[in-house]
PDB file of N, CA and C in Angstrom:
ATOM      1  N   MET A   1       0.707  -1.142   0.021  1.00  0.00           N
ATOM      2  CA  MET A   1       0.097   0.255  -0.253  1.00  0.00           C
ATOM      3  C   MET A   1       1.363   1.311  -0.318  1.00  0.00           C
ATOM      4  N   LYS A   2       1.690   0.970   0.529  1.00  0.00           N
ATOM      5  CA  LYS A   2       2.992   1.994   0.362  1.00  0.00           C
ATOM      6  C   LYS A   2       3.315   2.415  -0.533  1.00  0.00           C
ATOM      7  N   ASN A   3       3.870   1.370  -1.200  1.00  0.00           N
ATOM      8  CA  ASN A   3       4.236   2.400  -2.897  1.00  0.00           C
ATOM      9  C   ASN A   3       3.667   2.383  -3.127  1.00  0.00           C
ATOM     10  N   TYR A   4       2.195   1.834  -4.001  1.00  0.00           N
ATOM     11  CA  TYR A   4       0.856   2.498  -4.342  1.00  0.00           C
ATOM     12  C   TYR A   4       0.905   4.009  -4.047  1.00  0.00           C
ATOM     13  N   LEU A   5       0.776   4.470  -2.847  1.00  0.00           N
ATOM     14  CA  LEU A   5       1.147   6.003  -2.659  1.00  0.00           C
ATOM     15  C   LEU A   5       2.087   6.917  -2.674  1.00  0.00           C
ATOM     16  N   ILE A   6       3.156   6.160  -2.707  1.00  0.00           N
ATOM     17  CA  ILE A   6       4.656   6.705  -3.514  1.00  0.00           C
ATOM     18  C   ILE A   6       4.479   7.109  -4.617  1.00  0.00           C
ATOM     19  N   ILE A   7       3.561   5.964  -5.466  1.00  0.00           N
ATOM     20  CA  ILE A   7       3.533   6.232  -7.122  1.00  0.00           C
ATOM     21  C   ILE A   7       2.619   7.018  -7.588  1.00  0.00           C
ATOM     22  N   LEU A   8       1.848   7.141  -6.618  1.00  0.00           N
ATOM     23  CA  LEU A   8       0.575   8.507  -7.363  1.00  0.00           C
ATOM     24  C   LEU A   8       1.201   9.519  -6.941  1.00  0.00           C
ATOM     25  N   PHE A   9       1.969   9.723  -5.202  1.00  0.00           N
ATOM     26  CA  PHE A   9       2.111  10.991  -4.944  1.00  0.00           C
ATOM     27  C   PHE A   9       3.347  11.686  -6.550  1.00  0.00           C
ATOM     28  N   LEU A  10       4.556  10.606  -6.904  1.00  0.00           N
ATOM     29  CA  LEU A  10       5.411  10.975  -7.957  1.00  0.00           C
ATOM     30  C   LEU A  10       4.451  11.182  -9.152  1.00  0.00           C
ATOM     31  N   ILE A  11       3.589  10.408  -9.654  1.00  0.00           N
ATOM     32  CA  ILE A  11       2.727  10.647 -10.789  1.00  0.00           C
ATOM     33  C   ILE A  11       2.227  12.239 -10.778  1.00  0.00           C
ATOM     34  N   VAL A  12       1.745  12.356  -9.286  1.00  0.00           N
ATOM     35  CA  VAL A  12       0.968  13.694  -9.380  1.00  0.00           C
ATOM     36  C   VAL A  12       2.428  15.037  -9.377  1.00  0.00           C
ATOM     37  N   LEU A  13       3.153  14.350  -8.673  1.00  0.00           N
ATOM     38  CA  LEU A  13       4.232  15.440  -8.881  1.00  0.00           C
ATOM     39  C   LEU A  13       5.017  16.118 -10.278  1.00  0.00           C
ATOM     40  N   ILE A  14       4.655  14.720 -10.970  1.00  0.00           N
ATOM     41  CA  ILE A  14       4.978  15.232 -12.539  1.00  0.00           C
ATOM     42  C   ILE A  14       4.297  15.886 -13.254  1.00  0.00           C
ATOM     43  N   ILE A  15       2.735  15.436 -13.047  1.00  0.00           N
ATOM     44  CA  ILE A  15       1.938  16.192 -13.615  1.00  0.00           C
ATOM     45  C   ILE A  15       1.868  17.880 -13.498  1.00  0.00           C
ATOM     46  N   LEU A  16       1.951  17.834 -12.045  1.00  0.00           N
ATOM     47  CA  LEU A  16       2.443  19.120 -12.039  1.00  0.00           C
ATOM     48  C   LEU A  16       3.280  20.083 -12.314  1.00  0.00           C
ATOM     49  N   THR A  17       4.360  19.700 -12.430  1.00  0.00           N
ATOM     50  CA  THR A  17       5.451  19.978 -12.831  1.00  0.00           C
ATOM     51  C   THR A  17       5.544  20.358 -14.441  1.00  0.00           C
ATOM     52  N   SER A  18       4.458  19.649 -14.977  1.00  0.00           N
ATOM     53  CA  SER A  18       4.520  19.897 -16.527  1.00  0.00           C
ATOM     54  C   SER A  18       3.683  21.039 -16.657  1.00  0.00           C
ATOM     55  N   LEU A  19       2.236  20.983 -15.904  1.00  0.00           N
ATOM     56  CA  LEU A  19       1.467  21.955 -16.238  1.00  0.00           C
ATOM     57  C   LEU A  19       1.833  23.845 -15.695  1.00  0.00           C
ATOM     58  N   VAL A  20       3.168  22.998 -15.017  1.00  0.00           N
ATOM     59  CA  VAL A  20       3.494  25.069 -14.175  1.00  0.00           C
ATOM     60  C   VAL A  20       4.335  25.460 -15.382  1.00  0.00           C
ATOM     61  N   LYS A  21       5.190  24.179 -15.895  1.00  0.00           N
ATOM     62  CA  LYS A  21       5.902  24.402 -17.316  1.00  0.00           C
ATOM     63  C   LYS A  21       5.890  25.177 -18.405  1.00  0.00           C
ATOM     64  N   THR A  22       4.162  24.446 -18.481  1.00  0.00           N
ATOM     65  CA  THR A  22       3.201  24.588 -19.555  1.00  0.00           C
ATOM     66  C   THR A  22       3.063  26.475 -19.563  1.00  0.00           C
ATOM     67  N   SER A  23       2.490  26.413 -18.211  1.00  0.00           N
ATOM     68  CA  SER A  23       1.568  27.682 -17.964  1.00  0.00           C
ATOM     69  C   SER A  23       3.216  29.222 -18.147  1.00  0.00           C
ATOM     70  N   THR A  24       4.474  28.905 -17.774  1.00  0.00           N
ATOM     71  CA  THR A  24       5.541  29.238 -17.591  1.00  0.00           C
ATOM     72  C   THR A  24       5.894  29.253 -19.023  1.00  0.00           C
ATOM     73  N   ARG A  25       5.745  28.492 -20.087  1.00  0.00           N
ATOM     74  CA  ARG A  25       6.127  28.552 -21.265  1.00  0.00           C
ATOM     75  C   ARG A  25       5.733  29.660 -21.984  1.00  0.00           C
ATOM     76  N   ASP A  26       3.924  29.402 -22.137  1.00  0.00           N
ATOM     77  CA  ASP A  26       2.521  30.461 -22.388  1.00  0.00           C
ATOM     78  C   ASP A  26       3.358  31.820 -21.862  1.00  0.00           C
ATOM     79  N   LEU A  27       3.563  32.305 -20.463  1.00  0.00           N
ATOM     80  CA  LEU A  27       3.940  33.760 -20.320  1.00  0.00           C
ATOM     81  C   LEU A  27       5.292  33.995 -20.755  1.00  0.00           C
ATOM     82  N   GLU A  28       6.152  33.531 -21.183  1.00  0.00           N
ATOM     83  CA  GLU A  28       7.177  33.537 -21.732  1.00  0.00           C
ATOM     84  C   GLU A  28       6.692  34.191 -22.956  1.00  0.00           C
ATOM     85  N   ALA A  29       6.312  33.701 -23.884  1.00  0.00           N
ATOM     86  CA  ALA A  29       5.717  33.922 -25.219  1.00  0.00           C
ATOM     87  C   ALA A  29       5.011  34.948 -25.094  1.00  0.00           C
ATOM     88  N   LYS A  30       4.289  35.323 -24.105  1.00  0.00           N
ATOM     89  CA  LYS A  30       3.334  36.856 -24.304  1.00  0.00           C
ATOM     90  C   LYS A  30       3.796  37.895 -24.093  1.00  0.00           C
ATOM     91  N   ILE A  31       4.863  37.520 -22.804  1.00  0.00           N
ATOM     92  CA  ILE A  31       5.731  38.581 -22.451  1.00  0.00           C
ATOM     93  C   ILE A  31       7.071  38.873 -23.533  1.00  0.00           C
ATOM     94  N   PHE A  32       7.531  38.237 -24.700  1.00  0.00           N
ATOM     95  CA  PHE A  32       8.150  38.558 -25.718  1.00  0.00           C
ATOM     96  C   PHE A  32       7.614  39.006 -27.099  1.00  0.00           C
ATOM     97  N   THR A  33       6.228  39.015 -26.992  1.00  0.00           N
ATOM     98  CA  THR A  33       5.285  39.253 -27.831  1.00  0.00           C
ATOM     99  C   THR A  33       5.008  41.083 -27.560  1.00  0.00           C
ATOM    100  N   ASN A  34       4.878  40.943 -26.160  1.00  0.00           N
ATOM    101  CA  ASN A  34       4.778  42.316 -25.061  1.00  0.00           C
ATOM    102  C   ASN A  34       5.670  43.559 -25.964  1.00  0.00           C
ATOM    103  N   GLN A  35       6.855  42.827 -25.337  1.00  0.00           N
ATOM    104  CA  GLN A  35       8.133  43.507 -25.348  1.00  0.00           C
ATOM    105  C   GLN A  35       8.186  43.868 -26.873  1.00  0.00           C
ATOM    106  N   GLU A  36       8.355  43.163 -27.752  1.00  0.00           N
ATOM    107  CA  GLU A  36       8.100  43.128 -29.108  1.00  0.00           C
ATOM    108  C   GLU A  36       7.646  44.391 -29.741  1.00  0.00           C
ATOM    109  N   GLU A  37       6.155  44.331 -29.469  1.00  0.00           N
ATOM    110  CA  GLU A  37       5.215  45.447 -29.426  1.00  0.00           C
ATOM    111  C   GLU A  37       5.871  46.817 -29.352  1.00  0.00           C
ATOM    112  N   ILE A  38       5.998  47.033 -28.016  1.00  0.00           N
ATOM    113  CA  ILE A  38       6.602  47.851 -27.225  1.00  0.00           C
ATOM    114  C   ILE A  38       7.797  48.435 -27.650  1.00  0.00           C
ATOM    115  N   LYS A  39       8.738  47.767 -28.400  1.00  0.00           N
ATOM    116  CA  LYS A  39       9.989  48.150 -29.190  1.00  0.00           C
ATOM    117  C   LYS A  39       9.223  48.908 -29.971  1.00  0.00           C
ATOM    118  N   LEU A  40       8.259  48.229 -31.291  1.00  0.00           N
ATOM    119  CA  LEU A  40       8.139  49.112 -32.522  1.00  0.00           C
ATOM    120  C   LEU A  40       7.464  49.933 -31.918  1.00  0.00           C
ATOM    121  N   LEU A  41       6.329  50.417 -31.076  1.00  0.00           N
ATOM    122  CA  LEU A  41       5.743  51.592 -30.749  1.00  0.00           C
ATOM    123  C   LEU A  41       6.598  52.583 -30.383  1.00  0.00           C
ATOM    124  N   SER A  42       7.235  52.478 -29.523  1.00  0.00           N
ATOM    125  CA  SER A  42       8.399  53.167 -29.467  1.00  0.00           C
ATOM    126  C   SER A  42       9.466  53.532 -30.200  1.00  0.00           C
ATOM    127  N   ASP A  43       9.826  52.678 -31.734  1.00  0.00           N
ATOM    128  CA  ASP A  43      10.478  53.534 -32.917  1.00  0.00           C
ATOM    129  C   ASP A  43       9.332  54.474 -33.160  1.00  0.00           C
ATOM    130  N   LYS A  44       7.715  54.058 -33.562  1.00  0.00           N
ATOM    131  CA  LYS A  44       6.932  54.568 -33.887  1.00  0.00           C
ATOM    132  C   LYS A  44       6.831  56.057 -33.337  1.00  0.00           C
ATOM    133  N   LYS A  45       6.913  56.248 -32.259  1.00  0.00           N
ATOM    134  CA  LYS A  45       6.543  57.277 -30.944  1.00  0.00           C
ATOM    135  C   LYS A  45       7.658  58.204 -31.731  1.00  0.00           C
ATOM    136  N   GLU A  46       9.367  57.972 -31.479  1.00  0.00           N
ATOM    137  CA  GLU A  46      10.340  58.188 -31.999  1.00  0.00           C
ATOM    138  C   GLU A  46      10.271  59.345 -32.981  1.00  0.00           C
ATOM    139  N   LEU A  47       9.777  58.319 -33.965  1.00  0.00           N
ATOM    140  CA  LEU A  47       9.865  59.206 -35.444  1.00  0.00           C
ATOM    141  C   LEU A  47       8.965  60.305 -35.299  1.00  0.00           C
ATOM    142  N   ILE A  48       7.769  59.804 -35.130  1.00  0.00           N
ATOM    143  CA  ILE A  48       6.477  60.834 -34.443  1.00  0.00           C
ATOM    144  C   ILE A  48       7.077  62.045 -33.903  1.00  0.00           C
ATOM    145  N   LEU A  49       7.843  61.894 -33.185  1.00  0.00           N
ATOM    146  CA  LEU A  49       8.674  63.586 -32.649  1.00  0.00           C
ATOM    147  C   LEU A  49       9.606  63.896 -33.292  1.00  0.00           C
ATOM    148  N   LEU A  50      10.032  63.420 -33.971  1.00  0.00           N
ATOM    149  CA  LEU A  50      10.978  64.037 -34.636  1.00  0.00           C
ATOM    150  C   LEU A  50      10.551  64.720 -35.866  1.00  0.00           C
ATOM    151  N   GLU A  51       9.595  64.024 -36.499  1.00  0.00           N
ATOM    152  CA  GLU A  51       8.830  64.730 -37.372  1.00  0.00           C
ATOM    153  C   GLU A  51       8.047  65.997 -37.225  1.00  0.00           C
ATOM    154  N   HIS A  52       7.298  65.997 -35.691  1.00  0.00           N
ATOM    155  CA  HIS A  52       6.904  66.901 -35.491  1.00  0.00           C
ATOM    156  C   HIS A  52       7.829  68.137 -34.984  1.00  0.00           C
ATOM    157  N   ASN A  53       8.783  67.626 -34.634  1.00  0.00           N
ATOM    158  CA  ASN A  53       9.856  68.925 -33.677  1.00  0.00           C
ATOM    159  C   ASN A  53      10.361  69.451 -34.861  1.00  0.00           C
ATOM    160  N   PHE A  54      10.290  68.819 -36.183  1.00  0.00           N
ATOM    161  CA  PHE A  54      11.263  69.420 -37.039  1.00  0.00           C
ATOM    162  C   PHE A  54      10.114  69.886 -38.098  1.00  0.00           C
ATOM    163  N   LEU A  55       8.836  69.493 -38.111  1.00  0.00           N
ATOM    164  CA  LEU A  55       7.999  69.841 -39.204  1.00  0.00           C
ATOM    165  C   LEU A  55       7.051  71.269 -38.107  1.00  0.00           C
ATOM    166  N   SER A  56       7.358  71.458 -36.893  1.00  0.00           N
ATOM    167  CA  SER A  56       6.774  72.384 -36.016  1.00  0.00           C
ATOM    168  C   SER A  56       7.518  73.683 -35.679  1.00  0.00           C
ATOM    169  N   SER A  57       8.713  73.806 -36.289  1.00  0.00           N
ATOM    170  CA  SER A  57       9.740  74.708 -36.072  1.00  0.00           C
ATOM    171  C   SER A  57       9.012  76.257 -37.300  1.00  0.00           C
ATOM    172  N   PRO A  58       8.554  77.457 -36.713  1.00  0.00           N
ATOM    173  CA  PRO A  58       8.273  78.154 -37.566  1.00  0.00           C
ATOM    174  C   PRO A  58       9.553  78.621 -38.554  1.00  0.00           C
ATOM    175  N   LYS A  59      10.573  78.530 -38.042  1.00  0.00           N
ATOM    176  CA  LYS A  59      11.672  78.719 -38.668  1.00  0.00           C
ATOM    177  C   LYS A  59      11.791  78.067 -40.365  1.00  0.00           C
ATOM    178  N   LYS A  60      12.101  76.674 -39.303  1.00  0.00           N
ATOM    179  CA  LYS A  60      11.830  75.416 -40.561  1.00  0.00           C
ATOM    180  C   LYS A  60      10.463  75.754 -41.592  1.00  0.00           C
ATOM    181  N   LEU A  61      10.006  75.937 -40.969  1.00  0.00           N
ATOM    182  CA  LEU A  61       8.393  76.019 -42.209  1.00  0.00           C
ATOM    183  C   LEU A  61       8.599  77.156 -43.118  1.00  0.00           C
ATOM    184  N   ILE A  62       8.723  78.371 -42.878  1.00  0.00           N
ATOM    185  CA  ILE A  62       9.302  79.148 -43.511  1.00  0.00           C
ATOM    186  C   ILE A  62      10.634  78.870 -44.444  1.00  0.00           C
ATOM    187  N   GLU A  63      11.360  78.257 -44.007  1.00  0.00           N
ATOM    188  CA  GLU A  63      12.564  78.479 -44.752  1.00  0.00           C
ATOM    189  C   GLU A  63      11.755  77.020 -46.178  1.00  0.00           C
ATOM    190  N   TYR A  64      10.984  76.008 -45.826  1.00  0.00           N
ATOM    191  CA  TYR A  64      10.589  75.243 -46.608  1.00  0.00           C
ATOM    192  C   TYR A  64       9.997  75.860 -48.005  1.00  0.00           C
ATOM    193  N   GLN A  65       8.845  76.705 -46.907  1.00  0.00           N
ATOM    194  CA  GLN A  65       7.939  77.507 -48.279  1.00  0.00           C
ATOM    195  C   GLN A  65       8.492  78.554 -49.011  1.00  0.00           C
ATOM    196  N   LYS A  66      10.004  79.138 -48.756  1.00  0.00           N
ATOM    197  CA  LYS A  66      10.521  79.619 -49.508  1.00  0.00           C
ATOM    198  C   LYS A  66      11.268  78.678 -50.923  1.00  0.00           C
ATOM    199  N   ARG A  67      11.943  77.599 -50.100  1.00  0.00           N
ATOM    200  CA  ARG A  67      12.389  76.918 -50.896  1.00  0.00           C
ATOM    201  C   ARG A  67      11.459  76.004 -52.026  1.00  0.00           C
ATOM    202  N   TYR A  68       9.940  75.542 -51.614  1.00  0.00           N
ATOM    203  CA  TYR A  68       9.638  74.576 -52.785  1.00  0.00           C
ATOM    204  C   TYR A  68       9.093  75.158 -53.411  1.00  0.00           C
ATOM    205  N   PHE A  69       8.071  76.358 -52.543  1.00  0.00           N
ATOM    206  CA  PHE A  69       7.248  76.886 -53.138  1.00  0.00           C
ATOM    207  C   PHE A  69       7.577  78.491 -53.857  1.00  0.00           C
TER     208      PHE A  69
END
């Protein structure tokens, strides 16, 4: 009877370990995806800020107007 309890206990531990590993793997994948999205959005933000700062200066706008129009 004691051997059956030990075997059952080991099987339960193996199952719990695999469940924890699977959930951890899924969480790591979600974290990686979110980090990549944050990087892309950060790059877009930097480009938009650069464009805004570059085009919002009145001197630059007047200079562009004279140059191109």
